[in-house]
C-alpha atoms as a PDB file:
ATOM      1  CA  UNK A   1       9.748 -68.703 -38.100  1.00  0.00           C
ATOM      2  CA  UNK A   2       8.354 -68.273 -34.604  1.00  0.00           C
ATOM      3  CA  UNK A   3      10.591 -69.690 -31.855  1.00  0.00           C
ATOM      4  CA  UNK A   4       9.141 -72.604 -29.924  1.00  0.00           C
ATOM      5  CA  UNK A   5      10.175 -73.952 -26.588  1.00  0.00           C
ATOM      6  CA  UNK A   6      10.661 -77.682 -26.150  1.00  0.00           C
ATOM      7  CA  UNK A   7      11.305 -79.435 -22.853  1.00  0.00           C
ATOM      8  CA  UNK A   8      12.993 -82.840 -22.675  1.00  0.00           C
ATOM      9  CA  UNK A   9      14.361 -85.047 -19.941  1.00  0.00           C
ATOM     10  CA  UNK A  10      17.696 -86.415 -21.111  1.00  0.00           C
ATOM     11  CA  UNK A  11      19.593 -88.864 -18.898  1.00  0.00           C
ATOM     12  CA  UNK A  12      17.849 -87.512 -15.787  1.00  0.00           C
ATOM     13  CA  UNK A  13      18.624 -83.865 -16.640  1.00  0.00           C
ATOM     14  CA  UNK A  14      15.909 -81.385 -17.540  1.00  0.00           C
ATOM     15  CA  UNK A  15      16.799 -79.666 -20.830  1.00  0.00           C
ATOM     16  CA  UNK A  16      15.058 -76.640 -22.356  1.00  0.00           C
ATOM     17  CA  UNK A  17      15.367 -76.070 -26.115  1.00  0.00           C
ATOM     18  CA  UNK A  18      14.666 -72.595 -27.475  1.00  0.00           C
ATOM     19  CA  UNK A  19      13.824 -71.768 -31.054  1.00  0.00           C
ATOM     20  CA  UNK A  20      15.111 -73.413 -34.192  1.00  0.00           C
ATOM     21  CA  UNK A  21      18.782 -72.954 -33.287  1.00  0.00           C
ATOM     22  CA  UNK A  22      18.622 -75.767 -30.738  1.00  0.00           C
ATOM     23  CA  UNK A  23      20.258 -73.719 -27.959  1.00  0.00           C
ATOM     24  CA  UNK A  24      19.674 -75.600 -24.721  1.00  0.00           C
ATOM     25  CA  UNK A  25      19.479 -74.422 -21.132  1.00  0.00           C
ATOM     26  CA  UNK A  26      19.766 -77.088 -18.463  1.00  0.00           C
ATOM     27  CA  UNK A  27      18.415 -76.850 -14.953  1.00  0.00           C
ATOM     28  CA  UNK A  28      21.567 -75.346 -13.387  1.00  0.00           C
ATOM     29  CA  UNK A  29      22.357 -72.884 -16.194  1.00  0.00           C
ATOM     30  CA  UNK A  30      20.529 -70.005 -14.476  1.00  0.00           C
ATOM     31  CA  UNK A  31      20.421 -69.756 -10.688  1.00  0.00           C
ATOM     32  CA  UNK A  32      18.912 -67.488  -8.062  1.00  0.00           C
ATOM     33  CA  UNK A  33      22.232 -66.015  -6.934  1.00  0.00           C
ATOM     34  CA  UNK A  34      21.649 -63.222  -4.414  1.00  0.00           C
ATOM     35  CA  UNK A  35      18.651 -61.855  -2.533  1.00  0.00           C
ATOM     36  CA  UNK A  36      18.344 -58.538  -0.710  1.00  0.00           C
ATOM     37  CA  UNK A  37      15.236 -59.690   1.179  1.00  0.00           C
ATOM     38  CA  UNK A  38      15.827 -57.028   3.854  1.00  0.00           C
ATOM     39  CA  UNK A  39      16.103 -54.070   1.488  1.00  0.00           C
ATOM     40  CA  UNK A  40      18.967 -51.605   1.591  1.00  0.00           C
ATOM     41  CA  UNK A  41      20.206 -48.989   4.078  1.00  0.00           C
ATOM     42  CA  UNK A  42      18.208 -46.194   2.392  1.00  0.00           C
ATOM     43  CA  UNK A  43      14.924 -48.126   2.670  1.00  0.00           C
ATOM     44  CA  UNK A  44      13.635 -51.530   3.676  1.00  0.00           C
ATOM     45  CA  UNK A  45      11.535 -51.337   0.485  1.00  0.00           C
ATOM     46  CA  UNK A  46      14.693 -51.401  -1.681  1.00  0.00           C
ATOM     47  CA  UNK A  47      14.643 -55.168  -2.140  1.00  0.00           C
ATOM     48  CA  UNK A  48      16.291 -56.878  -5.105  1.00  0.00           C
ATOM     49  CA  UNK A  49      16.920 -60.342  -6.524  1.00  0.00           C
ATOM     50  CA  UNK A  50      19.819 -61.358  -8.746  1.00  0.00           C
ATOM     51  CA  UNK A  51      19.938 -64.239 -11.225  1.00  0.00           C
ATOM     52  CA  UNK A  52      23.198 -65.607 -12.634  1.00  0.00           C
ATOM     53  CA  UNK A  53      23.916 -67.313 -15.942  1.00  0.00           C
ATOM     54  CA  UNK A  54      26.511 -69.991 -15.146  1.00  0.00           C
ATOM     55  CA  UNK A  55      27.224 -70.840 -18.798  1.00  0.00           C
ATOM     56  CA  UNK A  56      29.378 -69.482 -21.598  1.00  0.00           C
ATOM     57  CA  UNK A  57      26.362 -68.671 -23.764  1.00  0.00           C
ATOM     58  CA  UNK A  58      23.699 -65.965 -23.672  1.00  0.00           C
ATOM     59  CA  UNK A  59      20.360 -67.279 -22.411  1.00  0.00           C
ATOM     60  CA  UNK A  60      17.006 -65.809 -23.410  1.00  0.00           C
ATOM     61  CA  UNK A  61      14.487 -65.407 -20.583  1.00  0.00           C
ATOM     62  CA  UNK A  62      11.497 -65.208 -22.907  1.00  0.00           C
ATOM     63  CA  UNK A  63       8.687 -67.259 -21.371  1.00  0.00           C
ATOM     64  CA  UNK A  64      10.447 -67.555 -17.983  1.00  0.00           C
ATOM     65  CA  UNK A  65       8.906 -66.481 -14.657  1.00  0.00           C
ATOM     66  CA  UNK A  66      10.104 -65.820 -11.135  1.00  0.00           C
ATOM     67  CA  UNK A  67       7.492 -66.014  -8.412  1.00  0.00           C
ATOM     68  CA  UNK A  68       7.119 -66.582  -4.726  1.00  0.00           C
ATOM     69  CA  UNK A  69       5.017 -69.315  -3.143  1.00  0.00           C
ATOM     70  CA  UNK A  70       1.968 -67.191  -2.321  1.00  0.00           C
ATOM     71  CA  UNK A  71       1.909 -65.594  -5.793  1.00  0.00           C
ATOM     72  CA  UNK A  72       2.215 -62.022  -4.481  1.00  0.00           C
ATOM     73  CA  UNK A  73       5.392 -61.764  -6.537  1.00  0.00           C
ATOM     74  CA  UNK A  74       4.984 -63.052 -10.085  1.00  0.00           C
ATOM     75  CA  UNK A  75       7.436 -61.685 -12.632  1.00  0.00           C
ATOM     76  CA  UNK A  76       7.236 -62.608 -16.320  1.00  0.00           C
ATOM     77  CA  UNK A  77      10.906 -62.248 -17.245  1.00  0.00           C
ATOM     78  CA  UNK A  78      12.136 -60.755 -20.495  1.00  0.00           C
ATOM     79  CA  UNK A  79      15.433 -60.042 -22.159  1.00  0.00           C
ATOM     80  CA  UNK A  80      18.602 -62.082 -21.893  1.00  0.00           C
ATOM     81  CA  UNK A  81      21.359 -62.908 -19.438  1.00  0.00           C
ATOM     82  CA  UNK A  82      24.800 -62.664 -21.033  1.00  0.00           C
ATOM     83  CA  UNK A  83      27.286 -65.513 -20.710  1.00  0.00           C
ATOM     84  CA  UNK A  84      28.549 -65.675 -17.094  1.00  0.00           C
ATOM     85  CA  UNK A  85      26.451 -62.554 -16.468  1.00  0.00           C
ATOM     86  CA  UNK A  86      23.895 -61.315 -13.991  1.00  0.00           C
ATOM     87  CA  UNK A  87      20.259 -60.214 -14.224  1.00  0.00           C
ATOM     88  CA  UNK A  88      19.059 -57.724 -11.594  1.00  0.00           C
ATOM     89  CA  UNK A  89      15.425 -57.424 -10.557  1.00  0.00           C
ATOM     90  CA  UNK A  90      14.622 -54.407  -8.383  1.00  0.00           C
ATOM     91  CA  UNK A  91      11.430 -53.875  -6.417  1.00  0.00           C
ATOM     92  CA  UNK A  92       9.114 -51.077  -7.630  1.00  0.00           C
ATOM     93  CA  UNK A  93      11.710 -48.677  -9.093  1.00  0.00           C
ATOM     94  CA  UNK A  94      15.293 -48.524 -10.325  1.00  0.00           C
ATOM     95  CA  UNK A  95      16.536 -46.857  -7.116  1.00  0.00           C
ATOM     96  CA  UNK A  96      17.060 -49.966  -4.973  1.00  0.00           C
ATOM     97  CA  UNK A  97      20.689 -50.324  -6.059  1.00  0.00           C
ATOM     98  CA  UNK A  98      22.448 -46.985  -6.536  1.00  0.00           C
ATOM     99  CA  UNK A  99      24.452 -46.575  -9.752  1.00  0.00           C
ATOM    100  CA  UNK A 100      23.352 -49.980 -11.098  1.00  0.00           C
ATOM    101  CA  UNK A 101      20.647 -50.297 -13.731  1.00  0.00           C
ATOM    102  CA  UNK A 102      18.000 -52.929 -13.128  1.00  0.00           C
ATOM    103  CA  UNK A 103      17.251 -55.400 -15.887  1.00  0.00           C
ATOM    104  CA  UNK A 104      13.656 -55.515 -14.714  1.00  0.00           C
ATOM    105  CA  UNK A 105      11.360 -54.066 -12.036  1.00  0.00           C
ATOM    106  CA  UNK A 106       8.843 -56.052 -10.003  1.00  0.00           C
ATOM    107  CA  UNK A 107       6.025 -55.427  -7.551  1.00  0.00           C
ATOM    108  CA  UNK A 108       5.388 -57.198  -4.284  1.00  0.00           C
ATOM    109  CA  UNK A 109       7.646 -57.732  -1.305  1.00  0.00           C
ATOM    110  CA  UNK A 110       9.648 -60.567   0.171  1.00  0.00           C
ATOM    111  CA  UNK A 111       8.793 -61.529   3.738  1.00  0.00           C
ATOM    112  CA  UNK A 112      11.595 -60.797   6.207  1.00  0.00           C
ATOM    113  CA  UNK A 113      10.690 -63.992   8.057  1.00  0.00           C
ATOM    114  CA  UNK A 114      11.424 -66.109   4.962  1.00  0.00           C
ATOM    115  CA  UNK A 115       9.962 -66.785   1.539  1.00  0.00           C
ATOM    116  CA  UNK A 116      10.164 -69.334  -1.259  1.00  0.00           C
ATOM    117  CA  UNK A 117      11.042 -68.442  -4.847  1.00  0.00           C
ATOM    118  CA  UNK A 118      10.616 -70.492  -8.020  1.00  0.00           C
ATOM    119  CA  UNK A 119      12.395 -69.721 -11.292  1.00  0.00           C
ATOM    120  CA  UNK A 120      10.670 -71.462 -14.196  1.00  0.00           C
ATOM    121  CA  UNK A 121      11.209 -71.686 -17.947  1.00  0.00           C
ATOM    122  CA  UNK A 122       7.636 -72.193 -19.078  1.00  0.00           C
ATOM    123  CA  UNK A 123       4.625 -73.401 -17.133  1.00  0.00           C
ATOM    124  CA  UNK A 124       6.039 -76.539 -15.545  1.00  0.00           C
ATOM    125  CA  UNK A 125       9.802 -76.351 -16.126  1.00  0.00           C
ATOM    126  CA  UNK A 126      11.367 -75.496 -12.749  1.00  0.00           C
ATOM    127  CA  UNK A 127      14.929 -74.195 -13.242  1.00  0.00           C
ATOM    128  CA  UNK A 128      15.836 -73.182  -9.669  1.00  0.00           C
ATOM    129  CA  UNK A 129      14.060 -72.575  -6.380  1.00  0.00           C
ATOM    130  CA  UNK A 130      14.543 -71.570  -2.791  1.00  0.00           C
ATOM    131  CA  UNK A 131      12.397 -73.080  -0.034  1.00  0.00           C
ATOM    132  CA  UNK A 132      12.871 -70.814   2.948  1.00  0.00           C
ATOM    133  CA  UNK A 133       9.258 -70.175   3.938  1.00  0.00           C
ATOM    134  CA  UNK A 134       9.969 -70.211   7.689  1.00  0.00           C
ATOM    135  CA  UNK A 135      13.281 -68.280   7.717  1.00  0.00           C
ATOM    136  CA  UNK A 136      16.091 -67.082   5.451  1.00  0.00           C
ATOM    137  CA  UNK A 137      19.325 -69.054   6.026  1.00  0.00           C
ATOM    138  CA  UNK A 138      21.533 -65.980   5.542  1.00  0.00           C
ATOM    139  CA  UNK A 139      21.479 -62.206   5.287  1.00  0.00           C
ATOM    140  CA  UNK A 140      21.183 -59.634   8.059  1.00  0.00           C
ATOM    141  CA  UNK A 141      18.267 -57.242   8.406  1.00  0.00           C
ATOM    142  CA  UNK A 142      20.074 -54.941  10.869  1.00  0.00           C
ATOM    143  CA  UNK A 143      23.255 -54.465   8.821  1.00  0.00           C
ATOM    144  CA  UNK A 144      21.539 -54.894   5.402  1.00  0.00           C
ATOM    145  CA  UNK A 145      23.941 -57.645   4.336  1.00  0.00           C
ATOM    146  CA  UNK A 146      22.379 -59.710   1.547  1.00  0.00           C
ATOM    147  CA  UNK A 147      21.993 -63.468   1.162  1.00  0.00           C
ATOM    148  CA  UNK A 148      24.435 -64.879  -1.423  1.00  0.00           C
ATOM    149  CA  UNK A 149      24.761 -68.274  -3.082  1.00  0.00           C
ATOM    150  CA  UNK A 150      28.128 -69.826  -2.210  1.00  0.00           C
ATOM    151  CA  UNK A 151      28.249 -72.467  -4.948  1.00  0.00           C
ATOM    152  CA  UNK A 152      26.577 -72.782  -8.330  1.00  0.00           C
ATOM    153  CA  UNK A 153      26.511 -76.558  -8.156  1.00  0.00           C
ATOM    154  CA  UNK A 154      24.759 -76.972  -4.830  1.00  0.00           C
ATOM    155  CA  UNK A 155      21.001 -77.287  -4.493  1.00  0.00           C
ATOM    156  CA  UNK A 156      19.400 -73.925  -3.721  1.00  0.00           C
ATOM    157  CA  UNK A 157      18.488 -75.026  -0.191  1.00  0.00           C
ATOM    158  CA  UNK A 158      22.187 -75.390   0.699  1.00  0.00           C
ATOM    159  CA  UNK A 159      25.147 -73.171   0.016  1.00  0.00           C
ATOM    160  CA  UNK A 160      24.069 -69.710   1.174  1.00  0.00           C
ATOM    161  CA  UNK A 161      26.023 -67.117   3.133  1.00  0.00           C
ATOM    162  CA  UNK A 162      25.631 -63.597   4.458  1.00  0.00           C
ATOM    163  CA  UNK A 163      27.417 -61.130   2.191  1.00  0.00           C
ATOM    164  CA  UNK A 164      30.680 -59.782   3.532  1.00  0.00           C
ATOM    165  CA  UNK A 165      29.542 -56.170   3.055  1.00  0.00           C
ATOM    166  CA  UNK A 166      26.289 -54.301   3.563  1.00  0.00           C
ATOM    167  CA  UNK A 167      24.382 -53.954   0.298  1.00  0.00           C
ATOM    168  CA  UNK A 168      25.840 -57.127  -1.182  1.00  0.00           C
ATOM    169  CA  UNK A 169      27.288 -57.473  -4.662  1.00  0.00           C
ATOM    170  CA  UNK A 170      24.558 -56.668  -7.204  1.00  0.00           C
ATOM    171  CA  UNK A 171      25.582 -57.552 -10.799  1.00  0.00           C
ATOM    172  CA  UNK A 172      29.016 -58.688  -9.580  1.00  0.00           C
ATOM    173  CA  UNK A 173      30.669 -61.812  -8.201  1.00  0.00           C
ATOM    174  CA  UNK A 174      29.531 -62.719  -4.686  1.00  0.00           C
ATOM    175  CA  UNK A 175      31.769 -61.847  -1.765  1.00  0.00           C
ATOM    176  CA  UNK A 176      34.171 -64.329  -0.234  1.00  0.00           C
ATOM    177  CA  UNK A 177      33.500 -64.830   3.449  1.00  0.00           C
ATOM    178  CA  UNK A 178      36.326 -66.353   5.477  1.00  0.00           C
END
């Protein structure tokens, strides 16, 4: 039987149902967790974006997309994010993050002056977003410190910090900045 996606609003919470098993993913189950909008020390072109599964179940990304506001980045996602795991998207090739395999490659570049990203499960089911079109709230282009989410429960427009170390924490827990 072919899996079908169903979207419901239940008690004010957007719920996505996948396939016949009834596995649900709610709006905060997958978040945009870390962004290397400035690239890495080896090259400014070595940008990457990390998603995080905040649940104790594996989530399929079939039918999901990640795109920026102007559409120059539009990534049809595939595969799965393991429970409490990470999903790494690297720009152009798998060399952006040394010794870490990308889950997916994408084309297009993030603007250093700011950009907006939308993570969607299906055509109109927004899961997470960032709205930083005029400037990034964190990260450092000179030192190549990434922009990290500080809390899974906060809206994406709040709760960001500059990573403690250059290069950030791809496919690992975010740094703790004191």
